[in-house]
Amino acid sequence: MDVASRKKIDLQSDLHIDPAETCTQIVDFIRGQVKRLGKRGVILGLSGGMDSSTCAYLCTIALGRERIQALRLPERDTDPINMGHASLVAENLGLEVKDIDLSPVLSQIGLYDEVPEGTAADRSKIESGVRWMSRLTRRPSAFAFGLDYAYGERRTFWENLVRRFFWRSAGQIQAFVFTKVRLRMLMLYYHASLGDCLVVGTTDKSEWSIGFYDRYGDGASDITLLQHLYKTQIKELARYLGVPEEIIQKPSSGDLAAGIPNEVFIGLDYEQLDMILYGLEHDMPDESIIAQTRLNKKAVQTVKQASQRARFRESLPLHL
């Protein structure tokens, strides 16, 4: 891309989509893939969040409610508000929902012994820990630090310190997160096999770009509907589809503990993250991204590094 074309990019206005056209494209994609693979329908987890709700609306338009299986997968630490929003979506669309409580399995595995209920429910303590980690490592994103810790080849002083003295705590956090999201996907695939359905993935481009997902959990699917759309673009699509406004306005969360929003871990709000990612995607110089977002250079560099780690993680497993 030449310098002249770079100057024409406006990060805020250029991120807008045509929601009607986008809806048509995704609906045609769903119908085409279900027909091509000869499946009876699709299955998805209804979390009560904007992404899964948007996918439910799109699948209903594409296939009709009779060809959709929807699961709610609550466990001990699930926010009741999200379960209520999942029920609201199902009611609006006329979907039958199957509830499967994951708590007994997670308890039997021992996950709840590692992280007691009081600890998982203490939002202020968790957010304080995230802020402490960001200040200590001098990074705006605790998640990006965790990604470097797990997949970085050349470890910084702080990563080596965590690995040497706090590996037990770091392992507890990873086990707590990954076990939950992988068990959710295991249940979806189990019921997909019984119902001859495709598993619908709900990961969006914002989270996929920086690796804010688990490739064996919420990143595993047969068809993914939103991976080409940034979170702010999905908001436009969700409003067009009629997703309830209280769901659209609710902070996005993996609903793993205390309902903590993803933005707390990412260290940026989604509008900021999307503008950085869009600028990087279109080869904008860092200085131009900084000028339009009014963020500092460290924020842009952190997103770059997270994207690089995410692409490395996709190359796993390693082999000869």
C-alpha atoms as a PDB file:
ATOM      1  CA  MET A   1       0.000   0.000   0.000  1.00  0.00           C
ATOM      2  CA  ASP A   2       1.459   3.377  -0.987  1.00  0.00           C
ATOM      3  CA  VAL A   3       1.671   6.425   1.239  1.00  0.00           C
ATOM      4  CA  ALA A   4      -1.142   8.246  -0.554  1.00  0.00           C
ATOM      5  CA  SER A   5      -3.668   5.457   0.029  1.00  0.00           C
ATOM      6  CA  ARG A   6      -2.624   5.121   3.655  1.00  0.00           C
ATOM      7  CA  LYS A   7      -3.613   8.739   4.319  1.00  0.00           C
ATOM      8  CA  LYS A   8      -7.164   8.047   3.143  1.00  0.00           C
ATOM      9  CA  ILE A   9      -7.924   5.568   5.915  1.00  0.00           C
ATOM     10  CA  ASP A  10     -10.228   6.834   8.622  1.00  0.00           C
ATOM     11  CA  LEU A  11     -10.255   4.226  11.377  1.00  0.00           C
ATOM     12  CA  GLN A  12     -13.652   5.150  12.764  1.00  0.00           C
ATOM     13  CA  SER A  13     -15.651   5.555   9.560  1.00  0.00           C
ATOM     14  CA  ASP A  14     -13.942   2.774   7.577  1.00  0.00           C
ATOM     15  CA  LEU A  15     -14.811   0.175  10.219  1.00  0.00           C
ATOM     16  CA  HIS A  16     -18.525   0.556   9.480  1.00  0.00           C
ATOM     17  CA  ILE A  17     -20.236  -2.240   7.545  1.00  0.00           C
ATOM     18  CA  ASP A  18     -23.426  -2.646   5.545  1.00  0.00           C
ATOM     19  CA  PRO A  19     -25.312  -4.891   7.997  1.00  0.00           C
ATOM     20  CA  ALA A  20     -27.946  -5.989   5.458  1.00  0.00           C
ATOM     21  CA  GLU A  21     -25.310  -7.141   2.983  1.00  0.00           C
ATOM     22  CA  THR A  22     -23.286  -8.774   5.764  1.00  0.00           C
ATOM     23  CA  CYS A  23     -26.361 -10.623   7.007  1.00  0.00           C
ATOM     24  CA  THR A  24     -27.122 -11.946   3.519  1.00  0.00           C
ATOM     25  CA  GLN A  25     -23.553 -13.163   3.055  1.00  0.00           C
ATOM     26  CA  ILE A  26     -23.497 -15.048   6.368  1.00  0.00           C
ATOM     27  CA  VAL A  27     -26.960 -16.542   5.894  1.00  0.00           C
ATOM     28  CA  ASP A  28     -25.990 -17.818   2.428  1.00  0.00           C
ATOM     29  CA  PHE A  29     -22.773 -19.228   3.905  1.00  0.00           C
ATOM     30  CA  ILE A  30     -24.664 -21.140   6.614  1.00  0.00           C
ATOM     31  CA  ARG A  31     -27.136 -22.620   4.159  1.00  0.00           C
ATOM     32  CA  GLY A  32     -24.410 -23.537   1.710  1.00  0.00           C
ATOM     33  CA  GLN A  33     -22.185 -25.296   4.231  1.00  0.00           C
ATOM     34  CA  VAL A  34     -24.995 -27.237   5.899  1.00  0.00           C
ATOM     35  CA  LYS A  35     -26.174 -28.425   2.476  1.00  0.00           C
ATOM     36  CA  ARG A  36     -22.660 -29.179   1.209  1.00  0.00           C
ATOM     37  CA  LEU A  37     -21.845 -31.332   4.239  1.00  0.00           C
ATOM     38  CA  GLY A  38     -25.256 -32.977   4.335  1.00  0.00           C
ATOM     39  CA  LYS A  39     -26.033 -32.093   7.941  1.00  0.00           C
ATOM     40  CA  ARG A  40     -29.431 -31.875   9.557  1.00  0.00           C
ATOM     41  CA  GLY A  41     -28.680 -28.507  11.094  1.00  0.00           C
ATOM     42  CA  VAL A  42     -26.389 -26.630  13.461  1.00  0.00           C
ATOM     43  CA  ILE A  43     -25.703 -26.513  17.175  1.00  0.00           C
ATOM     44  CA  LEU A  44     -24.427 -23.597  19.216  1.00  0.00           C
ATOM     45  CA  GLY A  45     -23.889 -22.626  22.804  1.00  0.00           C
ATOM     46  CA  LEU A  46     -26.099 -19.773  23.975  1.00  0.00           C
ATOM     47  CA  SER A  47     -24.026 -17.826  26.487  1.00  0.00           C
ATOM     48  CA  GLY A  48     -26.219 -14.744  26.655  1.00  0.00           C
ATOM     49  CA  GLY A  49     -23.465 -12.639  25.088  1.00  0.00           C
ATOM     50  CA  MET A  50     -23.657 -10.560  21.927  1.00  0.00           C
ATOM     51  CA  ASP A  51     -21.621 -12.889  19.706  1.00  0.00           C
ATOM     52  CA  SER A  52     -23.541 -16.090  20.438  1.00  0.00           C
ATOM     53  CA  SER A  53     -26.863 -14.210  20.306  1.00  0.00           C
ATOM     54  CA  THR A  54     -25.996 -12.754  16.902  1.00  0.00           C
ATOM     55  CA  CYS A  55     -25.097 -16.228  15.638  1.00  0.00           C
ATOM     56  CA  ALA A  56     -28.407 -17.592  16.919  1.00  0.00           C
ATOM     57  CA  TYR A  57     -30.335 -14.923  14.995  1.00  0.00           C
ATOM     58  CA  LEU A  58     -28.336 -15.580  11.821  1.00  0.00           C
ATOM     59  CA  CYS A  59     -28.809 -19.358  12.040  1.00  0.00           C
ATOM     60  CA  THR A  60     -32.534 -18.969  12.608  1.00  0.00           C
ATOM     61  CA  ILE A  61     -32.865 -16.818   9.493  1.00  0.00           C
ATOM     62  CA  ALA A  62     -30.790 -19.283   7.490  1.00  0.00           C
ATOM     63  CA  LEU A  63     -32.305 -22.592   8.587  1.00  0.00           C
ATOM     64  CA  GLY A  64     -35.413 -22.010  10.680  1.00  0.00           C
ATOM     65  CA  ARG A  65     -35.671 -22.809  14.357  1.00  0.00           C
ATOM     66  CA  GLU A  66     -36.407 -26.528  13.822  1.00  0.00           C
ATOM     67  CA  ARG A  67     -32.875 -27.150  12.521  1.00  0.00           C
ATOM     68  CA  ILE A  68     -31.066 -25.451  15.388  1.00  0.00           C
ATOM     69  CA  GLN A  69     -29.953 -27.029  18.644  1.00  0.00           C
ATOM     70  CA  ALA A  70     -29.105 -24.580  21.402  1.00  0.00           C
ATOM     71  CA  LEU A  71     -27.324 -25.451  24.641  1.00  0.00           C
ATOM     72  CA  ARG A  72     -26.943 -23.429  27.808  1.00  0.00           C
ATOM     73  CA  LEU A  73     -23.886 -24.621  29.713  1.00  0.00           C
ATOM     74  CA  PRO A  74     -23.884 -23.022  33.163  1.00  0.00           C
ATOM     75  CA  GLU A  75     -21.561 -23.944  36.022  1.00  0.00           C
ATOM     76  CA  ARG A  76     -20.802 -22.728  39.532  1.00  0.00           C
ATOM     77  CA  ASP A  77     -19.329 -19.383  38.480  1.00  0.00           C
ATOM     78  CA  THR A  78     -21.777 -18.493  35.701  1.00  0.00           C
ATOM     79  CA  ASP A  79     -23.399 -15.064  35.958  1.00  0.00           C
ATOM     80  CA  PRO A  80     -27.199 -15.550  36.225  1.00  0.00           C
ATOM     81  CA  ILE A  81     -27.686 -12.420  34.106  1.00  0.00           C
ATOM     82  CA  ASN A  82     -26.102 -14.200  31.146  1.00  0.00           C
ATOM     83  CA  MET A  83     -28.343 -17.228  31.544  1.00  0.00           C
ATOM     84  CA  GLY A  84     -31.334 -14.904  31.617  1.00  0.00           C
ATOM     85  CA  HIS A  85     -30.186 -13.214  28.408  1.00  0.00           C
ATOM     86  CA  ALA A  86     -29.688 -16.616  26.756  1.00  0.00           C
ATOM     87  CA  SER A  87     -33.281 -17.494  27.660  1.00  0.00           C
ATOM     88  CA  LEU A  88     -34.463 -14.168  26.262  1.00  0.00           C
ATOM     89  CA  VAL A  89     -32.812 -14.886  22.904  1.00  0.00           C
ATOM     90  CA  ALA A  90     -34.245 -18.402  22.803  1.00  0.00           C
ATOM     91  CA  GLU A  91     -37.723 -17.080  23.591  1.00  0.00           C
ATOM     92  CA  ASN A  92     -37.504 -14.350  20.945  1.00  0.00           C
ATOM     93  CA  LEU A  93     -36.421 -16.867  18.295  1.00  0.00           C
ATOM     94  CA  GLY A  94     -38.625 -19.755  19.423  1.00  0.00           C
ATOM     95  CA  LEU A  95     -35.633 -22.023  20.071  1.00  0.00           C
ATOM     96  CA  GLU A  96     -35.751 -25.032  22.334  1.00  0.00           C
ATOM     97  CA  VAL A  97     -32.797 -24.920  24.711  1.00  0.00           C
ATOM     98  CA  LYS A  98     -31.166 -27.796  26.543  1.00  0.00           C
ATOM     99  CA  ASP A  99     -29.483 -26.955  29.857  1.00  0.00           C
ATOM    100  CA  ILE A 100     -26.423 -28.937  30.931  1.00  0.00           C
ATOM    101  CA  ASP A 101     -24.840 -28.056  34.261  1.00  0.00           C
ATOM    102  CA  LEU A 102     -21.071 -28.463  33.983  1.00  0.00           C
ATOM    103  CA  SER A 103     -20.462 -28.061  37.718  1.00  0.00           C
ATOM    104  CA  PRO A 104     -20.427 -31.780  38.637  1.00  0.00           C
ATOM    105  CA  VAL A 105     -17.767 -32.584  36.030  1.00  0.00           C
ATOM    106  CA  LEU A 106     -15.632 -29.563  36.921  1.00  0.00           C
ATOM    107  CA  SER A 107     -15.920 -30.479  40.587  1.00  0.00           C
ATOM    108  CA  GLN A 108     -14.934 -34.086  39.934  1.00  0.00           C
ATOM    109  CA  ILE A 109     -11.913 -32.960  37.923  1.00  0.00           C
ATOM    110  CA  GLY A 110     -10.832 -30.907  40.923  1.00  0.00           C
ATOM    111  CA  LEU A 111     -11.044 -27.467  39.348  1.00  0.00           C
ATOM    112  CA  TYR A 112     -13.199 -26.015  42.109  1.00  0.00           C
ATOM    113  CA  ASP A 113     -10.704 -27.239  44.704  1.00  0.00           C
ATOM    114  CA  GLU A 114      -7.995 -25.191  42.999  1.00  0.00           C
ATOM    115  CA  VAL A 115     -10.122 -22.031  42.870  1.00  0.00           C
ATOM    116  CA  PRO A 116     -12.736 -21.819  45.653  1.00  0.00           C
ATOM    117  CA  GLU A 117     -16.077 -20.176  44.964  1.00  0.00           C
ATOM    118  CA  GLY A 118     -15.311 -17.143  47.104  1.00  0.00           C
ATOM    119  CA  THR A 119     -12.116 -16.453  45.175  1.00  0.00           C
ATOM    120  CA  ALA A 120     -13.786 -16.840  41.776  1.00  0.00           C
ATOM    121  CA  ALA A 121     -16.626 -14.517  42.813  1.00  0.00           C
ATOM    122  CA  ASP A 122     -14.383 -11.740  44.162  1.00  0.00           C
ATOM    123  CA  ARG A 123     -14.411  -9.353  41.220  1.00  0.00           C
ATOM    124  CA  SER A 124     -12.587  -6.523  42.970  1.00  0.00           C
ATOM    125  CA  LYS A 125      -9.752  -8.825  44.012  1.00  0.00           C
ATOM    126  CA  ILE A 126      -9.381 -10.279  40.501  1.00  0.00           C
ATOM    127  CA  GLU A 127      -9.419  -6.842  38.861  1.00  0.00           C
ATOM    128  CA  SER A 128      -6.889  -5.604  41.402  1.00  0.00           C
ATOM    129  CA  GLY A 129      -4.634  -8.520  40.516  1.00  0.00           C
ATOM    130  CA  VAL A 130      -4.927  -7.688  36.819  1.00  0.00           C
ATOM    131  CA  ARG A 131      -4.005  -4.044  37.461  1.00  0.00           C
ATOM    132  CA  TRP A 132      -1.071  -5.112  39.654  1.00  0.00           C
ATOM    133  CA  MET A 133       0.218  -7.410  36.908  1.00  0.00           C
ATOM    134  CA  SER A 134      -0.050  -4.654  34.303  1.00  0.00           C
ATOM    135  CA  ARG A 135       1.838  -2.177  36.477  1.00  0.00           C
ATOM    136  CA  LEU A 136       4.494  -4.707  37.432  1.00  0.00           C
ATOM    137  CA  THR A 137       5.186  -5.756  33.845  1.00  0.00           C
ATOM    138  CA  ARG A 138       4.650  -2.232  32.458  1.00  0.00           C
ATOM    139  CA  ARG A 139       2.189  -3.550  29.906  1.00  0.00           C
ATOM    140  CA  PRO A 140      -1.344  -2.308  29.277  1.00  0.00           C
ATOM    141  CA  SER A 141      -2.618  -5.855  28.826  1.00  0.00           C
ATOM    142  CA  ALA A 142      -2.420  -8.636  31.406  1.00  0.00           C
ATOM    143  CA  PHE A 143      -3.686 -11.023  28.733  1.00  0.00           C
ATOM    144  CA  ALA A 144      -0.832 -10.145  26.366  1.00  0.00           C
ATOM    145  CA  PHE A 145       1.640 -10.823  29.174  1.00  0.00           C
ATOM    146  CA  GLY A 146       0.008 -14.204  29.751  1.00  0.00           C
ATOM    147  CA  LEU A 147       0.259 -15.011  26.054  1.00  0.00           C
ATOM    148  CA  ASP A 148       3.956 -14.167  26.075  1.00  0.00           C
ATOM    149  CA  TYR A 149       4.427 -16.233  29.218  1.00  0.00           C
ATOM    150  CA  ALA A 150       2.800 -19.263  27.629  1.00  0.00           C
ATOM    151  CA  TYR A 151       4.150 -19.019  24.070  1.00  0.00           C
ATOM    152  CA  GLY A 152       7.032 -16.543  24.024  1.00  0.00           C
ATOM    153  CA  GLU A 153      10.358 -17.935  22.840  1.00  0.00           C
ATOM    154  CA  ARG A 154      12.577 -15.265  24.395  1.00  0.00           C
ATOM    155  CA  ARG A 155      11.296 -14.623  27.878  1.00  0.00           C
ATOM    156  CA  THR A 156      11.537 -11.267  29.594  1.00  0.00           C
ATOM    157  CA  PHE A 157      12.681 -10.804  33.176  1.00  0.00           C
ATOM    158  CA  TRP A 158       9.080 -10.805  34.426  1.00  0.00           C
ATOM    159  CA  GLU A 159       8.108 -13.907  32.464  1.00  0.00           C
ATOM    160  CA  ASN A 160      11.113 -15.777  33.834  1.00  0.00           C
ATOM    161  CA  LEU A 161      10.257 -14.557  37.331  1.00  0.00           C
ATOM    162  CA  VAL A 162       6.694 -15.865  37.059  1.00  0.00           C
ATOM    163  CA  ARG A 163       7.917 -19.176  35.644  1.00  0.00           C
ATOM    164  CA  ARG A 164      10.442 -19.616  38.441  1.00  0.00           C
ATOM    165  CA  PHE A 165       8.492 -18.497  41.503  1.00  0.00           C
ATOM    166  CA  PHE A 166       4.810 -18.300  40.576  1.00  0.00           C
ATOM    167  CA  TRP A 167       4.405 -21.232  38.195  1.00  0.00           C
ATOM    168  CA  ARG A 168       1.849 -22.862  40.485  1.00  0.00           C
ATOM    169  CA  SER A 169      -0.432 -19.812  40.458  1.00  0.00           C
ATOM    170  CA  ALA A 170       0.043 -19.333  36.710  1.00  0.00           C
ATOM    171  CA  GLY A 171      -0.871 -22.973  36.153  1.00  0.00           C
ATOM    172  CA  GLN A 172      -4.005 -22.642  38.266  1.00  0.00           C
ATOM    173  CA  ILE A 173      -5.184 -19.701  36.168  1.00  0.00           C
ATOM    174  CA  GLN A 174      -4.554 -21.533  32.889  1.00  0.00           C
ATOM    175  CA  ALA A 175      -6.257 -24.703  34.128  1.00  0.00           C
ATOM    176  CA  PHE A 176      -9.232 -22.705  35.421  1.00  0.00           C
ATOM    177  CA  VAL A 177      -9.793 -20.977  32.080  1.00  0.00           C
ATOM    178  CA  PHE A 178      -8.940 -23.715  29.594  1.00  0.00           C
ATOM    179  CA  THR A 179     -10.761 -26.537  31.375  1.00  0.00           C
ATOM    180  CA  LYS A 180     -14.014 -24.600  31.414  1.00  0.00           C
ATOM    181  CA  VAL A 181     -13.991 -23.540  27.767  1.00  0.00           C
ATOM    182  CA  ARG A 182     -12.853 -26.968  26.573  1.00  0.00           C
ATOM    183  CA  LEU A 183     -15.566 -28.747  28.520  1.00  0.00           C
ATOM    184  CA  ARG A 184     -18.132 -26.449  26.941  1.00  0.00           C
ATOM    185  CA  MET A 185     -16.894 -27.418  23.493  1.00  0.00           C
ATOM    186  CA  LEU A 186     -16.798 -31.113  24.397  1.00  0.00           C
ATOM    187  CA  MET A 187     -20.496 -30.948  25.243  1.00  0.00           C
ATOM    188  CA  LEU A 188     -21.292 -29.147  22.006  1.00  0.00           C
ATOM    189  CA  TYR A 189     -19.471 -31.737  19.900  1.00  0.00           C
ATOM    190  CA  TYR A 190     -21.068 -34.618  21.796  1.00  0.00           C
ATOM    191  CA  HIS A 191     -24.557 -33.336  21.072  1.00  0.00           C
ATOM    192  CA  ALA A 192     -23.584 -32.325  17.533  1.00  0.00           C
ATOM    193  CA  SER A 193     -22.722 -35.961  16.818  1.00  0.00           C
ATOM    194  CA  LEU A 194     -26.028 -37.158  18.263  1.00  0.00           C
ATOM    195  CA  GLY A 195     -27.998 -34.622  16.242  1.00  0.00           C
ATOM    196  CA  ASP A 196     -25.936 -34.746  13.008  1.00  0.00           C
ATOM    197  CA  CYS A 197     -25.193 -31.023  13.306  1.00  0.00           C
ATOM    198  CA  LEU A 198     -22.373 -28.622  12.545  1.00  0.00           C
ATOM    199  CA  VAL A 199     -20.891 -26.844  15.555  1.00  0.00           C
ATOM    200  CA  VAL A 200     -21.139 -23.075  15.163  1.00  0.00           C
ATOM    201  CA  GLY A 201     -18.139 -21.038  16.301  1.00  0.00           C
ATOM    202  CA  THR A 202     -18.743 -17.538  17.654  1.00  0.00           C
ATOM    203  CA  THR A 203     -15.208 -16.113  17.923  1.00  0.00           C
ATOM    204  CA  ASP A 204     -14.964 -12.654  16.369  1.00  0.00           C
ATOM    205  CA  LYS A 205     -12.081 -11.068  14.464  1.00  0.00           C
ATOM    206  CA  SER A 206     -11.059  -8.821  17.358  1.00  0.00           C
ATOM    207  CA  GLU A 207     -10.472 -11.750  19.707  1.00  0.00           C
ATOM    208  CA  TRP A 208      -9.145 -14.102  17.038  1.00  0.00           C
ATOM    209  CA  SER A 209      -6.565 -11.541  15.895  1.00  0.00           C
ATOM    210  CA  ILE A 210      -4.930 -11.257  19.320  1.00  0.00           C
ATOM    211  CA  GLY A 211      -5.458 -14.868  20.373  1.00  0.00           C
ATOM    212  CA  PHE A 212      -8.117 -14.101  22.964  1.00  0.00           C
ATOM    213  CA  TYR A 213      -9.663 -17.557  22.674  1.00  0.00           C
ATOM    214  CA  ASP A 214      -8.659 -21.181  23.168  1.00  0.00           C
ATOM    215  CA  ARG A 215      -8.119 -23.143  19.986  1.00  0.00           C
ATOM    216  CA  TYR A 216      -9.381 -26.334  21.650  1.00  0.00           C
ATOM    217  CA  GLY A 217     -12.286 -24.567  23.375  1.00  0.00           C
ATOM    218  CA  ASP A 218     -14.216 -21.589  22.025  1.00  0.00           C
ATOM    219  CA  GLY A 219     -11.933 -21.578  18.961  1.00  0.00           C
ATOM    220  CA  ALA A 220     -12.983 -25.089  17.905  1.00  0.00           C
ATOM    221  CA  SER A 221     -15.921 -25.343  15.504  1.00  0.00           C
ATOM    222  CA  ASP A 222     -17.110 -26.638  12.132  1.00  0.00           C
ATOM    223  CA  ILE A 223     -18.251 -23.274  10.805  1.00  0.00           C
ATOM    224  CA  THR A 224     -17.428 -19.875  12.242  1.00  0.00           C
ATOM    225  CA  LEU A 225     -19.734 -16.991  11.392  1.00  0.00           C
ATOM    226  CA  LEU A 226     -18.081 -13.889  12.854  1.00  0.00           C
ATOM    227  CA  GLN A 227     -14.353 -14.393  12.443  1.00  0.00           C
ATOM    228  CA  HIS A 228     -14.267 -11.874   9.586  1.00  0.00           C
ATOM    229  CA  LEU A 229     -15.968  -9.159  11.667  1.00  0.00           C
ATOM    230  CA  TYR A 230     -14.547  -6.950  14.402  1.00  0.00           C
ATOM    231  CA  LYS A 231     -16.524  -6.615  17.633  1.00  0.00           C
ATOM    232  CA  THR A 232     -17.672  -3.090  16.804  1.00  0.00           C
ATOM    233  CA  GLN A 233     -18.940  -4.346  13.434  1.00  0.00           C
ATOM    234  CA  ILE A 234     -20.848  -7.152  15.124  1.00  0.00           C
ATOM    235  CA  LYS A 235     -22.638  -4.513  17.198  1.00  0.00           C
ATOM    236  CA  GLU A 236     -23.944  -2.989  13.970  1.00  0.00           C
ATOM    237  CA  LEU A 237     -25.038  -6.401  12.706  1.00  0.00           C
ATOM    238  CA  ALA A 238     -26.661  -7.320  16.022  1.00  0.00           C
ATOM    239  CA  ARG A 239     -28.767  -4.154  16.017  1.00  0.00           C
ATOM    240  CA  TYR A 240     -29.842  -4.817  12.441  1.00  0.00           C
ATOM    241  CA  LEU A 241     -30.920  -8.344  13.390  1.00  0.00           C
ATOM    242  CA  GLY A 242     -32.880  -7.187  16.429  1.00  0.00           C
ATOM    243  CA  VAL A 243     -30.704  -8.626  19.174  1.00  0.00           C
ATOM    244  CA  PRO A 244     -31.987  -7.121  22.463  1.00  0.00           C
ATOM    245  CA  GLU A 245     -30.224  -3.871  23.279  1.00  0.00           C
ATOM    246  CA  GLU A 246     -29.402  -4.956  26.837  1.00  0.00           C
ATOM    247  CA  ILE A 247     -27.284  -7.743  25.362  1.00  0.00           C
ATOM    248  CA  ILE A 248     -25.573  -5.451  22.871  1.00  0.00           C
ATOM    249  CA  GLN A 249     -24.751  -2.895  25.557  1.00  0.00           C
ATOM    250  CA  LYS A 250     -23.518  -5.471  28.070  1.00  0.00           C
ATOM    251  CA  PRO A 251     -19.704  -5.734  28.322  1.00  0.00           C
ATOM    252  CA  SER A 252     -18.420  -8.851  26.554  1.00  0.00           C
ATOM    253  CA  SER A 253     -17.246 -11.543  28.943  1.00  0.00           C
ATOM    254  CA  GLY A 254     -16.084 -15.131  28.800  1.00  0.00           C
ATOM    255  CA  ASP A 255     -18.229 -15.614  31.934  1.00  0.00           C
ATOM    256  CA  LEU A 256     -15.519 -17.576  33.704  1.00  0.00           C
ATOM    257  CA  ALA A 257     -15.397 -15.717  37.023  1.00  0.00           C
ATOM    258  CA  ALA A 258     -17.371 -12.864  38.584  1.00  0.00           C
ATOM    259  CA  GLY A 259     -18.643 -11.724  35.178  1.00  0.00           C
ATOM    260  CA  ILE A 260     -15.444  -9.782  34.559  1.00  0.00           C
ATOM    261  CA  PRO A 261     -15.455  -8.072  31.123  1.00  0.00           C
ATOM    262  CA  ASN A 262     -12.891  -9.154  28.549  1.00  0.00           C
ATOM    263  CA  GLU A 263     -11.703  -5.557  28.248  1.00  0.00           C
ATOM    264  CA  VAL A 264     -10.262  -5.756  31.773  1.00  0.00           C
ATOM    265  CA  PHE A 265      -7.839  -8.460  30.647  1.00  0.00           C
ATOM    266  CA  ILE A 266      -7.199  -7.019  27.181  1.00  0.00           C
ATOM    267  CA  GLY A 267      -6.339  -3.608  28.620  1.00  0.00           C
ATOM    268  CA  LEU A 268      -8.195  -1.746  25.858  1.00  0.00           C
ATOM    269  CA  ASP A 269     -11.839  -1.284  25.037  1.00  0.00           C
ATOM    270  CA  TYR A 270     -13.019  -2.975  21.863  1.00  0.00           C
ATOM    271  CA  GLU A 271     -13.349   0.295  19.950  1.00  0.00           C
ATOM    272  CA  GLN A 272      -9.665   1.030  20.603  1.00  0.00           C
ATOM    273  CA  LEU A 273      -8.595  -2.522  19.865  1.00  0.00           C
ATOM    274  CA  ASP A 274     -10.552  -2.643  16.607  1.00  0.00           C
ATOM    275  CA  MET A 275      -9.079   0.598  15.348  1.00  0.00           C
ATOM    276  CA  ILE A 276      -5.547  -0.617  16.067  1.00  0.00           C
ATOM    277  CA  LEU A 277      -6.198  -3.966  14.387  1.00  0.00           C
ATOM    278  CA  TYR A 278      -7.840  -2.339  11.372  1.00  0.00           C
ATOM    279  CA  GLY A 279      -4.906   0.030  11.011  1.00  0.00           C
ATOM    280  CA  LEU A 280      -2.393  -2.810  11.235  1.00  0.00           C
ATOM    281  CA  GLU A 281      -4.419  -4.872   8.760  1.00  0.00           C
ATOM    282  CA  HIS A 282      -4.180  -1.994   6.274  1.00  0.00           C
ATOM    283  CA  ASP A 283      -0.464  -1.389   6.869  1.00  0.00           C
ATOM    284  CA  MET A 284      -0.909   1.991   8.493  1.00  0.00           C
ATOM    285  CA  PRO A 285       2.221   3.345  10.176  1.00  0.00           C
ATOM    286  CA  ASP A 286       2.146   3.189  13.973  1.00  0.00           C
ATOM    287  CA  GLU A 287       2.285   6.980  14.126  1.00  0.00           C
ATOM    288  CA  SER A 288      -0.908   7.295  12.072  1.00  0.00           C
ATOM    289  CA  ILE A 289      -2.727   4.762  14.247  1.00  0.00           C
ATOM    290  CA  ILE A 290      -1.584   6.591  17.383  1.00  0.00           C
ATOM    291  CA  ALA A 291      -2.729   9.924  15.984  1.00  0.00           C
ATOM    292  CA  GLN A 292      -6.242   8.662  15.195  1.00  0.00           C
ATOM    293  CA  THR A 293      -6.744   6.543  18.320  1.00  0.00           C
ATOM    294  CA  ARG A 294      -4.966   8.911  20.732  1.00  0.00           C
ATOM    295  CA  LEU A 295      -3.325   5.889  22.331  1.00  0.00           C
ATOM    296  CA  ASN A 296       0.365   5.523  23.089  1.00  0.00           C
ATOM    297  CA  LYS A 297       2.959   3.515  21.197  1.00  0.00           C
ATOM    298  CA  LYS A 298       3.046   0.803  23.858  1.00  0.00           C
ATOM    299  CA  ALA A 299      -0.624  -0.011  23.252  1.00  0.00           C
ATOM    300  CA  VAL A 300      -0.028  -0.480  19.524  1.00  0.00           C
ATOM    301  CA  GLN A 301       3.100  -2.559  20.143  1.00  0.00           C
ATOM    302  CA  THR A 302       1.240  -4.748  22.633  1.00  0.00           C
ATOM    303  CA  VAL A 303      -1.473  -5.533  20.078  1.00  0.00           C
ATOM    304  CA  LYS A 304       1.193  -6.306  17.480  1.00  0.00           C
ATOM    305  CA  GLN A 305       2.996  -8.688  19.805  1.00  0.00           C
ATOM    306  CA  ALA A 306      -0.227 -10.414  20.848  1.00  0.00           C
ATOM    307  CA  SER A 307      -1.107 -10.935  17.170  1.00  0.00           C
ATOM    308  CA  GLN A 308       2.316 -12.466  16.513  1.00  0.00           C
ATOM    309  CA  ARG A 309       1.964 -14.833  19.474  1.00  0.00           C
ATOM    310  CA  ALA A 310      -1.524 -15.768  18.311  1.00  0.00           C
ATOM    311  CA  ARG A 311      -0.251 -16.739  14.870  1.00  0.00           C
ATOM    312  CA  PHE A 312       2.517 -18.834  16.444  1.00  0.00           C
ATOM    313  CA  ARG A 313      -0.024 -20.638  18.618  1.00  0.00           C
ATOM    314  CA  GLU A 314      -2.019 -21.508  15.507  1.00  0.00           C
ATOM    315  CA  SER A 315       1.044 -23.329  14.154  1.00  0.00           C
ATOM    316  CA  LEU A 316       0.915 -25.847  17.030  1.00  0.00           C
ATOM    317  CA  PRO A 317       1.423 -28.748  17.405  1.00  0.00           C
ATOM    318  CA  LEU A 318       5.124 -28.566  16.706  1.00  0.00           C
ATOM    319  CA  HIS A 319       6.538 -31.423  14.687  1.00  0.00           C
ATOM    320  CA  LEU A 320       9.718 -32.628  12.986  1.00  0.00           C
END
